[in-house]
Amino acid sequence: MVNLKAKPFYLNDQQICWVEQSIKSMSLEEKLGQLFVIMTYLPGVDESGIKNELDTWHQGGLRWQRKTADETYEQNRLYQKHSRIPLLIAANCDTGGAECVPDGTYVATAAQAAAGADPVTAYHIGLTSARESGSIGANWLFNPVCDIYLNWRNTIVNTRSFGENPDTVLDMARAYIRGVRDSGFSMACTAKHFPGDGTEERDQHLVMGCNDLNAEDWENSFGKVYRGLIEDGIESIMVGHICQPALSRKFLPGIRDEEILPATLSPELLIGMLRGELGFNGLIVTDATQMIGFNAVMPRQKALPAAIAAGCDMLLFTNDTAEDMAYLRAGVENGIITSERLDEALMRILGLKARLGLNEGYNYPAPEIREKYIGCAEHLLFRKEAADRCITLVKDTQELLPIDPVGKRIFLVYEHNIPNSRAYQGDKTKDLLKEELEAVGFAVDICPTFYDLEVENGVSFHNFLTMMDKGSREAFKSKYDLVLLVLNFTGYAQTNEVRITWSTDHSIDQPWYLAEVPTVAISLNLTNHLIDVPQAKTFINAYGSKQENIHAAVEKMIGKSTFTGKAEDNVFCDRWETRL
């Protein structure tokens, strides 16, 4: 059975008694409910709906859709009020509190933190995340991300990873956790996504991921990170829908290719490697079970009980909750989930709750705590400091910087994701860029985009013709002193790899101007855009589209501030010409 006195639980006899008695008091339906972290879709704050949900499903954990801080605070309070067994309320905070609630604070991405070298930014992300999520009732962070950015094509972990060096990833993950520990909130952390993302370019939201390192290389990279965090006492580990063939073959010699499964369904990876060789005693939770990496490998009816049987303790999200509960019930009835395995999972779930003090009832944070932390001046200062510390000059082989803005006219080319909704009315980041550039003395003309022309003029072939018209080269060179190409591409779960997408073909925004007028390229998110604009001889990674990031990038471009961020080798995308 589970040793709840050992790391990471450290429970006393009274807490262990609460865990054991709580399990004994549960019906089978209540036990199965504890295995789920359910995403609430209830609109607004509906106390009767919340009570009915808890009385029906008895879930062990909760995640929520984005609501205001006030709504989320009250919603989470009511969930705890009406839950017989206090809930693990989870938040996903890669960059700060902004991922919890719209009014929370974005501090920085993991890639940005790593560029700053000093772990202080990672510490500030963890501190802000815990304060802001804790103040609205969360007690479990699905962080830090411990993936290693080994493949430059991988845009899922490009900004979410602390980089390509395992030692840096471990140091930054530890700094994030220190921030959480120093927040004043009782908060569990989660290392993710075991056995590790970042070795290939595919997205487990869309396909079963594959960490294809050999066993020795895995041990020296991802193994080093997980061993370190387990030794430190990380409370939970999120398992990805990612296979690791070398480790599967290590524990199961002779396993056939068609038998290799993602870690969420692989006993050899969870019980053999994670529990056995790595010695992890804490809670194992799956990544989201809506992902194709989970659902495409076997029918959901089999996959859900198989995940618990393989060693997962909790399942993240439901599809049809009644149906998913029935699948688990059938798994118990047909022996896929043994009573011993079920009780083991429950021991860890309730053990984590006791570790957080939930056995004594939930001491919900006072409203003034929320008002103190959400979007506070100190957290906003962290964002400003991170921008100044981490923004990176990747290259300036034409020795263009710094640029004196006086008397200079810029042609501003702003590229972003293809709009996927008719609600699109333009991207305000472009206006923010123009304001920041004009504030330091540049004159700015904005290059049109096909999307914006369609919004302004309606659907018309003339919009395409306008985008095709580049005009005279000599006139362009006479008019503009500088082109500023700004790239702001984000996204996941729609395509396996995000690349630059120009607004239409053969258009004025495409980089024909690189050889005509001095050009500075700036990325506001992904760090690997040199693969698509290798001829850009001055390239800056600004890591974010917040005003602080844009302001700091402009200040550094004109020499009022020094570039101190450091680029890893992956930014050059394994190409010689990107370095020129």
Protein backbone atom coordinates (compact mmCIF):
# COMPACT_ATOMS: atom_id res chain seq x y z
CA MET A 1 0.00 0.00 0.00
CA VAL A 2 0.90 3.67 -0.19
CA ASN A 3 3.24 5.01 2.48
CA LEU A 4 1.56 8.28 3.41
CA LYS A 5 4.19 9.09 6.02
CA ALA A 6 6.86 9.24 3.33
CA LYS A 7 7.70 11.86 0.73
CA PRO A 8 5.79 13.76 -0.65
CA PHE A 9 2.85 13.36 1.78
CA TYR A 10 4.51 13.41 5.22
CA LEU A 11 1.19 12.69 6.96
CA ASN A 12 0.80 12.10 10.66
CA ASP A 13 -1.35 9.34 12.18
CA GLN A 14 -4.38 11.60 12.53
CA GLN A 15 -4.25 12.60 8.86
CA ILE A 16 -3.78 9.00 7.75
CA CYS A 17 -6.77 8.00 9.86
CA TRP A 18 -8.86 10.65 8.06
CA VAL A 19 -7.76 9.27 4.68
CA GLU A 20 -8.58 5.69 5.62
CA GLN A 21 -11.91 6.47 7.27
CA SER A 22 -12.96 8.69 4.37
CA ILE A 23 -12.30 5.89 1.89
CA LYS A 24 -14.19 3.37 4.03
CA SER A 25 -17.18 5.69 4.18
CA MET A 26 -17.45 6.02 0.38
CA SER A 27 -19.81 4.18 -1.91
CA LEU A 28 -18.39 2.81 -5.15
CA GLU A 29 -19.88 5.80 -7.01
CA GLU A 30 -18.13 8.21 -4.64
CA LYS A 31 -14.85 6.35 -5.07
CA LEU A 32 -15.08 6.53 -8.84
CA GLY A 33 -15.97 10.21 -8.70
CA GLN A 34 -12.80 10.92 -6.74
CA LEU A 35 -10.77 9.72 -9.73
CA PHE A 36 -11.92 12.61 -11.92
CA VAL A 37 -10.85 16.22 -12.24
CA ILE A 38 -13.96 17.67 -13.88
CA MET A 39 -14.06 20.87 -15.91
CA THR A 40 -17.06 22.93 -14.91
CA TYR A 41 -19.05 24.44 -17.76
CA LEU A 42 -21.81 25.94 -15.62
CA PRO A 43 -22.45 29.54 -16.72
CA GLY A 44 -22.19 32.22 -14.07
CA VAL A 45 -22.32 31.08 -10.44
CA ASP A 46 -25.22 28.69 -9.86
CA GLU A 47 -25.20 27.31 -6.32
CA SER A 48 -28.00 24.82 -6.92
CA GLY A 49 -26.28 23.60 -10.10
CA ILE A 50 -22.99 23.20 -8.24
CA LYS A 51 -24.64 21.24 -5.43
CA ASN A 52 -26.43 19.00 -7.90
CA GLU A 53 -23.21 18.33 -9.81
CA LEU A 54 -21.38 17.33 -6.64
CA ASP A 55 -24.23 15.17 -5.39
CA THR A 56 -24.31 13.39 -8.75
CA TRP A 57 -20.63 12.91 -9.60
CA HIS A 58 -18.71 13.26 -6.27
CA GLN A 59 -15.61 14.41 -8.20
CA GLY A 60 -12.24 14.61 -6.55
CA GLY A 61 -10.95 17.61 -8.46
CA LEU A 62 -12.11 20.71 -10.32
CA ARG A 63 -10.97 22.92 -13.17
CA TRP A 64 -12.94 25.87 -14.49
CA GLN A 65 -13.48 27.83 -17.67
CA ARG A 66 -12.23 31.40 -17.75
CA LYS A 67 -14.41 33.66 -15.63
CA THR A 68 -13.73 36.89 -13.80
CA ALA A 69 -11.85 36.72 -10.53
CA ASP A 70 -15.03 37.55 -8.60
CA GLU A 71 -17.03 34.82 -10.34
CA THR A 72 -14.28 32.25 -9.97
CA TYR A 73 -13.77 33.05 -6.30
CA GLU A 74 -17.45 32.57 -5.51
CA GLN A 75 -17.79 29.51 -7.72
CA ASN A 76 -14.84 27.73 -6.09
CA ARG A 77 -16.07 28.67 -2.62
CA LEU A 78 -19.43 27.05 -3.35
CA TYR A 79 -17.82 23.91 -4.72
CA GLN A 80 -15.85 23.51 -1.50
CA LYS A 81 -18.89 24.36 0.63
CA HIS A 82 -21.02 21.60 -0.90
CA SER A 83 -18.39 18.90 -1.41
CA ARG A 84 -18.43 16.18 1.28
CA ILE A 85 -14.75 15.52 0.63
CA PRO A 86 -12.87 18.79 -0.04
CA LEU A 87 -11.80 19.25 -3.64
CA LEU A 88 -8.45 19.59 -5.29
CA ILE A 89 -9.02 22.79 -7.30
CA ALA A 90 -6.48 22.98 -10.10
CA ALA A 91 -5.08 25.89 -12.07
CA ASN A 92 -2.81 25.86 -15.11
CA CYS A 93 -0.39 28.76 -14.72
CA ASP A 94 2.51 28.58 -17.15
CA THR A 95 3.03 32.36 -17.31
CA GLY A 96 1.42 33.70 -14.12
CA GLY A 97 -2.15 34.34 -13.01
CA ALA A 98 -3.50 35.44 -16.39
CA GLU A 99 -4.26 31.83 -17.28
CA CYS A 100 -6.55 31.55 -14.24
CA VAL A 101 -8.66 34.64 -14.77
CA PRO A 102 -8.63 37.37 -17.43
CA ASP A 103 -7.75 39.99 -14.84
CA GLY A 104 -4.75 38.01 -13.59
CA THR A 105 -1.12 38.91 -14.27
CA TYR A 106 0.91 37.61 -17.19
CA VAL A 107 4.55 37.66 -16.05
CA ALA A 108 6.56 35.79 -18.68
CA THR A 109 6.81 32.56 -20.62
CA ALA A 110 9.20 29.80 -19.60
CA ALA A 111 11.30 30.50 -22.70
CA GLN A 112 11.58 34.12 -21.64
CA ALA A 113 12.55 33.14 -18.11
CA ALA A 114 15.29 30.83 -19.40
CA ALA A 115 16.67 33.59 -21.64
CA GLY A 116 17.26 35.68 -18.53
CA ALA A 117 19.67 33.04 -17.22
CA ASP A 118 19.04 34.01 -13.58
CA PRO A 119 16.10 31.96 -12.17
CA VAL A 120 14.46 35.05 -10.65
CA THR A 121 11.89 35.31 -13.46
CA ALA A 122 10.85 31.67 -13.02
CA TYR A 123 10.56 32.35 -9.29
CA HIS A 124 8.33 35.36 -9.96
CA ILE A 125 6.12 33.31 -12.30
CA GLY A 126 5.63 30.69 -9.58
CA LEU A 127 5.04 33.27 -6.87
CA THR A 128 2.49 35.20 -8.94
CA SER A 129 0.76 32.02 -10.10
CA ALA A 130 0.31 30.72 -6.58
CA ARG A 131 -0.80 34.03 -5.10
CA GLU A 132 -3.36 34.82 -7.79
CA SER A 133 -4.75 31.30 -8.20
CA GLY A 134 -4.66 30.67 -4.46
CA SER A 135 -6.58 33.85 -3.75
CA ILE A 136 -9.52 32.54 -5.81
CA GLY A 137 -9.52 29.12 -4.17
CA ALA A 138 -7.07 26.97 -6.14
CA ASN A 139 -4.83 24.59 -4.20
CA TRP A 140 -3.17 22.60 -6.99
CA LEU A 141 -0.99 23.98 -9.78
CA PHE A 142 -0.50 21.99 -12.96
CA ASN A 143 3.02 23.39 -13.11
CA PRO A 144 5.92 23.64 -13.68
CA VAL A 145 6.34 22.43 -17.26
CA CYS A 146 9.41 20.18 -17.27
CA ASP A 147 9.63 19.44 -20.99
CA ILE A 148 12.96 19.93 -22.72
CA TYR A 149 13.06 21.84 -26.00
CA LEU A 150 15.30 19.46 -27.94
CA ASN A 151 13.58 19.76 -31.33
CA TRP A 152 13.39 23.28 -32.72
CA ARG A 153 10.31 22.34 -34.79
CA ASN A 154 8.23 21.68 -31.68
CA THR A 155 5.97 24.70 -31.19
CA ILE A 156 3.94 23.09 -28.39
CA VAL A 157 6.78 23.44 -25.88
CA ASN A 158 8.67 26.21 -27.69
CA THR A 159 7.59 28.89 -25.23
CA ARG A 160 6.38 26.58 -22.43
CA SER A 161 9.75 24.89 -21.88
CA PHE A 162 12.63 26.32 -19.90
CA GLY A 163 14.90 25.41 -22.79
CA GLU A 164 17.11 22.74 -24.30
CA ASN A 165 19.47 22.19 -21.36
CA PRO A 166 18.26 19.71 -18.69
CA ASP A 167 20.20 21.50 -15.95
CA THR A 168 18.55 24.82 -16.84
CA VAL A 169 15.11 23.19 -16.97
CA LEU A 170 15.65 21.66 -13.52
CA ASP A 171 16.99 24.91 -12.04
CA MET A 172 14.09 26.95 -13.45
CA ALA A 173 11.47 24.40 -12.39
CA ARG A 174 12.89 24.47 -8.87
CA ALA A 175 12.79 28.28 -8.89
CA TYR A 176 9.12 28.21 -9.98
CA ILE A 177 8.33 25.81 -7.13
CA ARG A 178 10.20 27.99 -4.63
CA GLY A 179 7.97 30.85 -5.68
CA VAL A 180 4.91 28.71 -5.03
CA ARG A 181 6.23 27.65 -1.63
CA ASP A 182 6.92 31.27 -0.68
CA SER A 183 3.43 32.45 -1.67
CA GLY A 184 1.83 31.79 1.70
CA PHE A 185 -0.76 29.44 0.17
CA SER A 186 -0.96 25.69 0.73
CA MET A 187 -0.47 24.64 -2.88
CA ALA A 188 0.61 21.41 -4.55
CA CYS A 189 2.79 21.49 -7.67
CA THR A 190 2.82 19.20 -10.70
CA ALA A 191 5.74 18.32 -12.94
CA LYS A 192 4.64 17.69 -16.54
CA HIS A 193 4.49 16.02 -19.11
CA PHE A 194 6.14 12.68 -18.23
CA PRO A 195 7.95 11.00 -20.01
CA GLY A 196 8.64 14.34 -21.65
CA ASP A 197 7.70 16.45 -24.65
CA GLY A 198 10.06 18.36 -26.92
CA THR A 199 11.94 15.66 -28.82
CA GLU A 200 9.65 15.71 -31.88
CA GLU A 201 7.49 18.28 -33.63
CA ARG A 202 4.04 16.74 -33.16
CA ASP A 203 1.33 17.79 -30.72
CA GLN A 204 -0.21 15.20 -28.41
CA HIS A 205 -3.48 17.13 -28.64
CA LEU A 206 -3.65 15.82 -32.22
CA VAL A 207 -1.63 12.58 -32.25
CA MET A 208 0.08 10.21 -29.83
CA GLY A 209 3.35 11.91 -29.01
CA CYS A 210 6.61 9.98 -29.12
CA ASN A 211 9.67 10.69 -27.04
CA ASP A 212 12.11 8.70 -29.13
CA LEU A 213 15.33 9.18 -27.15
CA ASN A 214 17.30 6.06 -26.33
CA ALA A 215 17.22 4.99 -22.69
CA GLU A 216 20.61 6.48 -21.84
CA ASP A 217 19.86 9.85 -23.42
CA TRP A 218 16.43 9.91 -21.73
CA GLU A 219 18.04 9.21 -18.36
CA ASN A 220 20.56 12.03 -18.85
CA SER A 221 17.90 14.56 -19.82
CA PHE A 222 14.30 13.99 -18.76
CA GLY A 223 15.39 11.44 -16.17
CA LYS A 224 17.68 14.00 -14.55
CA VAL A 225 14.86 16.55 -14.31
CA TYR A 226 12.29 14.12 -12.87
CA ARG A 227 14.75 12.53 -10.46
CA GLY A 228 15.67 15.95 -9.15
CA LEU A 229 12.09 17.08 -8.60
CA ILE A 230 11.04 13.77 -7.08
CA GLU A 231 13.95 13.99 -4.67
CA ASP A 232 12.80 17.52 -3.80
CA GLY A 233 9.32 16.22 -2.95
CA ILE A 234 7.14 17.22 -5.94
CA GLU A 235 3.58 16.28 -4.97
CA SER A 236 2.18 15.21 -8.35
CA ILE A 237 3.25 14.38 -11.88
CA MET A 238 1.12 14.85 -14.98
CA VAL A 239 1.58 12.09 -17.52
CA GLY A 240 1.41 12.96 -21.20
CA HIS A 241 -0.15 10.98 -24.02
CA ILE A 242 3.42 10.40 -25.14
CA CYS A 243 5.08 7.04 -25.67
CA GLN A 244 8.71 6.25 -24.88
CA PRO A 245 9.60 3.16 -26.91
CA ALA A 246 13.12 2.73 -25.51
CA LEU A 247 11.86 2.61 -21.92
CA SER A 248 8.94 0.36 -22.83
CA ARG A 249 11.38 -2.07 -24.45
CA LYS A 250 13.67 -1.84 -21.43
CA PHE A 251 10.92 -3.10 -19.14
CA LEU A 252 9.16 -5.32 -21.70
CA PRO A 253 11.78 -6.89 -23.99
CA GLY A 254 10.12 -8.15 -27.12
CA ILE A 255 7.19 -5.71 -27.01
CA ARG A 256 5.87 -5.23 -30.53
CA ASP A 257 5.57 -1.81 -32.13
CA GLU A 258 1.79 -2.07 -32.19
CA GLU A 259 1.78 -2.70 -28.42
CA ILE A 260 3.60 0.54 -27.57
CA LEU A 261 1.18 2.98 -25.93
CA PRO A 262 1.33 6.49 -24.50
CA ALA A 263 2.56 6.73 -20.92
CA THR A 264 -1.00 7.29 -19.68
CA LEU A 265 -1.76 3.71 -20.70
CA SER A 266 1.66 2.08 -20.09
CA PRO A 267 2.19 0.18 -16.81
CA GLU A 268 5.86 -0.26 -17.67
CA LEU A 269 6.37 3.51 -17.80
CA LEU A 270 4.26 4.35 -14.74
CA ILE A 271 4.83 1.42 -12.41
CA GLY A 272 8.14 0.25 -13.81
CA MET A 273 9.88 3.57 -14.42
CA LEU A 274 8.07 6.35 -12.56
CA ARG A 275 7.13 4.42 -9.42
CA GLY A 276 9.93 1.87 -9.57
CA GLU A 277 13.21 3.29 -10.83
CA LEU A 278 12.44 6.94 -10.11
CA GLY A 279 10.80 6.19 -6.76
CA PHE A 280 7.86 8.55 -7.13
CA ASN A 281 5.31 8.09 -4.36
CA GLY A 282 3.02 11.04 -5.14
CA LEU A 283 -0.13 11.45 -7.20
CA ILE A 284 -0.16 10.69 -10.94
CA VAL A 285 -2.72 12.58 -13.04
CA THR A 286 -3.30 12.18 -16.76
CA ASP A 287 -3.11 15.04 -19.18
CA ALA A 288 -6.48 16.04 -20.62
CA THR A 289 -8.35 12.93 -21.76
CA GLN A 290 -10.00 14.75 -24.68
CA MET A 291 -6.67 14.75 -26.52
CA ILE A 292 -6.32 12.65 -29.64
CA GLY A 293 -3.10 11.18 -28.25
CA PHE A 294 -5.29 9.40 -25.69
CA ASN A 295 -8.47 8.75 -27.65
CA ALA A 296 -7.03 7.53 -30.96
CA VAL A 297 -5.05 4.61 -29.54
CA MET A 298 -7.99 2.66 -28.09
CA PRO A 299 -11.72 3.16 -27.54
CA ARG A 300 -12.49 5.45 -24.62
CA GLN A 301 -14.54 2.69 -23.03
CA LYS A 302 -11.30 0.73 -22.62
CA ALA A 303 -8.87 3.61 -22.27
CA LEU A 304 -10.31 5.17 -19.11
CA PRO A 305 -10.15 2.03 -16.92
CA ALA A 306 -6.86 1.06 -18.58
CA ALA A 307 -5.29 4.37 -17.50
CA ILE A 308 -6.21 3.74 -13.86
CA ALA A 309 -5.04 0.13 -14.11
CA ALA A 310 -1.74 1.29 -15.65
CA GLY A 311 -1.00 3.47 -12.62
CA CYS A 312 -2.72 6.83 -13.13
CA ASP A 313 -4.52 8.00 -9.98
CA MET A 314 -6.69 10.72 -11.50
CA LEU A 315 -8.21 11.38 -14.91
CA LEU A 316 -8.20 14.91 -16.23
CA PHE A 317 -11.64 15.91 -17.57
CA THR A 318 -14.61 13.95 -18.81
CA ASN A 319 -16.29 13.71 -22.20
CA ASP A 320 -19.82 12.65 -21.27
CA THR A 321 -19.55 12.43 -17.48
CA ALA A 322 -22.26 9.81 -16.99
CA GLU A 323 -20.79 7.66 -19.73
CA ASP A 324 -17.23 8.04 -18.43
CA MET A 325 -18.34 7.07 -14.92
CA ALA A 326 -20.07 4.01 -16.40
CA TYR A 327 -16.86 3.07 -18.22
CA LEU A 328 -14.95 3.12 -14.94
CA ARG A 329 -17.67 1.20 -13.12
CA ALA A 330 -17.49 -1.48 -15.78
CA GLY A 331 -13.71 -1.51 -15.41
CA VAL A 332 -14.12 -2.31 -11.72
CA GLU A 333 -16.80 -4.91 -12.35
CA ASN A 334 -14.78 -6.76 -14.98
CA GLY A 335 -11.57 -6.68 -12.94
CA ILE A 336 -9.55 -4.27 -15.11
CA ILE A 337 -9.40 -1.97 -12.07
CA THR A 338 -8.78 -4.15 -9.03
CA SER A 339 -10.00 -3.12 -5.60
CA GLU A 340 -6.35 -2.80 -4.54
CA ARG A 341 -5.54 -0.46 -7.44
CA LEU A 342 -8.66 1.62 -6.75
CA ASP A 343 -7.82 1.98 -3.08
CA GLU A 344 -4.21 2.83 -3.91
CA ALA A 345 -5.37 5.67 -6.17
CA LEU A 346 -7.78 6.91 -3.51
CA MET A 347 -5.04 6.83 -0.87
CA ARG A 348 -2.92 9.14 -2.98
CA ILE A 349 -5.80 11.46 -3.88
CA LEU A 350 -6.94 11.85 -0.29
CA GLY A 351 -3.35 11.78 0.90
CA LEU A 352 -2.64 14.88 -1.20
CA LYS A 353 -5.77 16.53 0.18
CA ALA A 354 -4.57 15.84 3.72
CA ARG A 355 -1.09 17.09 2.77
CA LEU A 356 -2.77 20.39 1.89
CA GLY A 357 -4.69 20.46 5.16
CA LEU A 358 -8.06 19.75 3.56
CA ASN A 359 -8.80 17.05 6.15
CA GLU A 360 -9.40 19.91 8.59
CA GLY A 361 -11.95 21.56 6.31
CA TYR A 362 -11.19 24.22 3.79
CA ASN A 363 -10.06 27.57 5.14
CA TYR A 364 -11.21 29.60 2.16
CA PRO A 365 -9.23 32.80 1.44
CA ALA A 366 -10.84 36.06 2.48
CA PRO A 367 -12.06 38.37 -0.33
CA GLU A 368 -9.47 40.99 0.51
CA ILE A 369 -6.71 38.50 -0.34
CA ARG A 370 -8.03 38.34 -3.89
CA GLU A 371 -8.15 42.12 -4.06
CA LYS A 372 -4.59 42.30 -2.73
CA TYR A 373 -3.02 39.97 -5.31
CA ILE A 374 -4.96 39.84 -8.59
CA GLY A 375 -3.16 42.16 -11.03
CA CYS A 376 -1.32 43.94 -8.21
CA ALA A 377 1.46 46.49 -8.78
CA GLU A 378 4.17 44.11 -7.54
CA HIS A 379 3.18 41.42 -10.06
CA LEU A 380 3.04 43.96 -12.88
CA LEU A 381 6.55 45.05 -11.90
CA PHE A 382 7.67 41.42 -12.24
CA ARG A 383 6.43 41.52 -15.84
CA LYS A 384 8.28 44.75 -16.57
CA GLU A 385 11.50 43.44 -15.03
CA ALA A 386 11.22 40.18 -16.97
CA ALA A 387 10.87 42.05 -20.25
CA ASP A 388 13.94 44.16 -19.55
CA ARG A 389 15.99 41.21 -18.29
CA CYS A 390 15.14 38.57 -20.87
CA ILE A 391 14.53 40.11 -24.31
CA THR A 392 17.19 38.70 -26.60
CA LEU A 393 19.16 39.99 -29.55
CA VAL A 394 19.50 36.73 -31.48
CA LYS A 395 21.70 38.25 -34.17
CA ASP A 396 22.68 41.57 -35.76
CA THR A 397 25.13 40.53 -38.43
CA GLN A 398 24.51 43.72 -40.41
CA GLU A 399 25.47 45.77 -37.32
CA LEU A 400 22.32 47.84 -37.64
CA LEU A 401 21.68 48.42 -33.95
CA PRO A 402 21.31 50.74 -32.17
CA ILE A 403 19.10 52.87 -34.41
CA ASP A 404 18.66 56.61 -33.95
CA PRO A 405 14.92 57.19 -34.50
CA VAL A 406 15.21 60.88 -35.31
CA GLY A 407 14.06 61.53 -38.85
CA LYS A 408 13.53 57.83 -39.56
CA ARG A 409 10.40 56.46 -41.24
CA ILE A 410 9.45 52.83 -40.60
CA PHE A 411 7.40 50.48 -42.74
CA LEU A 412 5.75 48.32 -40.05
CA VAL A 413 4.83 44.80 -41.16
CA TYR A 414 2.80 42.96 -38.53
CA GLU A 415 2.02 39.27 -39.09
CA HIS A 416 -0.22 37.13 -36.89
CA ASN A 417 -2.39 34.02 -36.93
CA ILE A 418 -5.06 33.67 -39.59
CA PRO A 419 -8.31 34.90 -37.97
CA ASN A 420 -10.62 31.96 -37.30
CA SER A 421 -13.78 33.87 -36.44
CA ARG A 422 -16.03 36.39 -38.15
CA ALA A 423 -15.73 38.39 -34.93
CA TYR A 424 -12.22 39.48 -35.99
CA GLN A 425 -11.97 43.28 -36.16
CA GLY A 426 -8.23 43.72 -36.30
CA ASP A 427 -5.34 43.07 -33.94
CA LYS A 428 -4.72 45.83 -31.38
CA THR A 429 -1.11 44.76 -30.92
CA LYS A 430 -0.33 46.47 -34.21
CA ASP A 431 -1.64 49.78 -32.86
CA LEU A 432 0.38 49.31 -29.68
CA LEU A 433 3.53 48.81 -31.74
CA LYS A 434 2.86 51.98 -33.70
CA GLU A 435 2.33 53.98 -30.51
CA GLU A 436 5.57 52.75 -28.93
CA LEU A 437 7.58 53.46 -32.08
CA GLU A 438 6.14 56.94 -32.52
CA ALA A 439 6.73 57.73 -28.85
CA VAL A 440 10.50 57.45 -29.34
CA GLY A 441 10.52 59.51 -32.54
CA PHE A 442 9.94 57.17 -35.48
CA ALA A 443 7.43 58.01 -38.19
CA VAL A 444 5.43 54.85 -38.90
CA ASP A 445 3.41 53.58 -41.84
CA ILE A 446 1.59 50.27 -41.37
CA CYS A 447 1.65 47.64 -44.07
CA PRO A 448 -1.86 46.43 -44.91
CA THR A 449 -2.88 42.82 -44.37
CA PHE A 450 -5.41 40.90 -46.38
CA TYR A 451 -7.44 40.14 -43.23
CA ASP A 452 -7.80 43.79 -42.29
CA LEU A 453 -8.68 44.82 -45.84
CA GLU A 454 -11.47 42.23 -45.84
CA VAL A 455 -12.78 43.69 -42.57
CA GLU A 456 -12.55 47.28 -43.81
CA ASN A 457 -13.77 46.83 -47.38
CA GLY A 458 -15.79 43.64 -47.30
CA VAL A 459 -15.01 40.61 -49.43
CA SER A 460 -13.53 41.87 -52.68
CA PHE A 461 -10.98 40.79 -55.27
CA HIS A 462 -9.60 44.32 -55.03
CA ASN A 463 -8.25 43.47 -51.57
CA PHE A 464 -6.07 40.81 -53.14
CA LEU A 465 -4.93 43.22 -55.85
CA THR A 466 -4.01 45.79 -53.19
CA MET A 467 -1.89 43.20 -51.39
CA MET A 468 -0.14 42.29 -54.64
CA ASP A 469 0.88 45.89 -55.42
CA LYS A 470 4.38 46.44 -54.05
CA GLY A 471 4.99 49.56 -56.12
CA SER A 472 8.32 50.92 -57.24
CA ARG A 473 11.39 49.58 -55.44
CA GLU A 474 13.21 52.88 -55.83
CA ALA A 475 10.25 54.81 -54.44
CA PHE A 476 10.06 52.43 -51.50
CA LYS A 477 13.78 52.82 -50.73
CA SER A 478 13.49 56.58 -50.98
CA LYS A 479 10.55 56.71 -48.60
CA TYR A 480 11.58 54.25 -45.86
CA ASP A 481 14.70 54.09 -43.71
CA LEU A 482 13.75 50.87 -41.97
CA VAL A 483 11.36 47.93 -42.17
CA LEU A 484 10.20 46.45 -38.88
CA LEU A 485 8.83 42.93 -39.36
CA VAL A 486 6.93 41.87 -36.24
CA LEU A 487 5.80 38.25 -35.90
CA ASN A 488 3.13 37.24 -33.40
CA PHE A 489 2.10 33.63 -33.95
CA THR A 490 0.56 31.48 -31.24
CA GLY A 491 -1.62 28.42 -30.99
CA TYR A 492 -1.84 24.70 -30.40
CA ALA A 493 -4.26 21.80 -30.86
CA GLN A 494 -5.11 22.84 -34.42
CA THR A 495 -1.88 22.05 -36.23
CA ASN A 496 1.13 20.00 -35.22
CA GLU A 497 3.51 22.83 -35.98
CA VAL A 498 2.96 26.60 -36.05
CA ARG A 499 4.89 28.50 -38.71
CA ILE A 500 4.69 31.98 -40.24
CA THR A 501 1.61 32.30 -42.43
CA TRP A 502 1.60 35.40 -44.62
CA SER A 503 -1.79 37.01 -45.09
CA THR A 504 -2.03 36.04 -48.77
CA ASP A 505 0.22 34.86 -51.60
CA HIS A 506 2.80 37.07 -53.39
CA SER A 507 1.77 39.94 -51.13
CA ILE A 508 3.34 43.19 -50.01
CA ASP A 509 3.83 41.88 -46.47
CA GLN A 510 6.08 39.01 -47.55
CA PRO A 511 9.79 39.72 -46.96
CA TRP A 512 10.84 40.97 -50.41
CA TYR A 513 12.09 44.11 -48.63
CA LEU A 514 14.91 42.32 -46.76
CA ALA A 515 17.36 43.02 -49.56
CA GLU A 516 16.07 46.53 -50.24
CA VAL A 517 15.88 48.37 -46.91
CA PRO A 518 17.53 47.62 -43.55
CA THR A 519 15.13 45.33 -41.69
CA VAL A 520 14.71 44.35 -38.05
CA ALA A 521 12.61 41.27 -37.32
CA ILE A 522 11.02 40.81 -33.90
CA SER A 523 9.12 37.78 -32.63
CA LEU A 524 6.55 38.42 -29.93
CA ASN A 525 6.09 34.74 -29.10
CA LEU A 526 7.75 31.73 -30.77
CA THR A 527 11.53 31.65 -30.82
CA ASN A 528 12.11 29.64 -34.02
CA HIS A 529 10.93 32.02 -36.77
CA LEU A 530 14.35 32.29 -38.37
CA ILE A 531 13.50 29.10 -40.24
CA ASP A 532 11.02 31.15 -42.30
CA VAL A 533 12.97 34.43 -42.51
CA PRO A 534 16.62 33.31 -42.51
CA GLN A 535 17.71 36.38 -44.52
CA ALA A 536 16.69 38.69 -41.68
CA LYS A 537 20.09 39.80 -40.45
CA THR A 538 18.83 41.49 -37.28
CA PHE A 539 16.48 39.38 -35.19
CA ILE A 540 15.06 39.96 -31.71
CA ASN A 541 13.07 37.57 -29.53
CA ALA A 542 10.77 39.67 -27.34
CA TYR A 543 8.77 36.69 -25.96
CA GLY A 544 5.47 38.51 -25.43
CA SER A 545 2.99 40.97 -26.90
CA LYS A 546 2.32 42.86 -23.67
CA GLN A 547 3.11 46.56 -23.67
CA GLU A 548 6.07 45.97 -21.36
CA ASN A 549 7.65 43.55 -23.85
CA ILE A 550 7.08 45.85 -26.81
CA HIS A 551 8.31 48.90 -24.91
CA ALA A 552 11.46 47.12 -23.76
CA ALA A 553 12.18 45.79 -27.26
CA VAL A 554 11.90 49.29 -28.76
CA GLU A 555 14.09 50.78 -26.01
CA LYS A 556 16.77 48.18 -26.68
CA MET A 557 16.49 48.60 -30.44
CA ILE A 558 17.33 52.32 -30.15
CA GLY A 559 20.07 51.79 -27.57
CA LYS A 560 18.37 53.20 -24.47
CA SER A 561 18.59 49.78 -22.81
CA THR A 562 21.01 46.88 -23.16
CA PHE A 563 20.10 43.43 -24.46
CA THR A 564 20.84 40.95 -21.66
CA GLY A 565 18.80 37.88 -22.71
CA LYS A 566 20.68 34.87 -24.06
CA ALA A 567 19.60 32.77 -27.04
CA GLU A 568 19.92 29.00 -27.10
CA ASP A 569 21.23 27.27 -30.20
CA ASN A 570 17.75 26.01 -31.18
CA VAL A 571 16.78 29.50 -32.37
CA PHE A 572 18.93 28.88 -35.45
CA CYS A 573 16.84 25.82 -36.38
CA ASP A 574 19.81 23.62 -37.36
CA ARG A 575 20.42 25.78 -40.45
CA TRP A 576 23.65 27.49 -41.44
CA GLU A 577 21.96 30.35 -43.30
CA THR A 578 19.94 31.46 -40.28
CA ARG A 579 23.20 32.50 -38.62
CA LEU A 580 24.29 34.86 -41.39
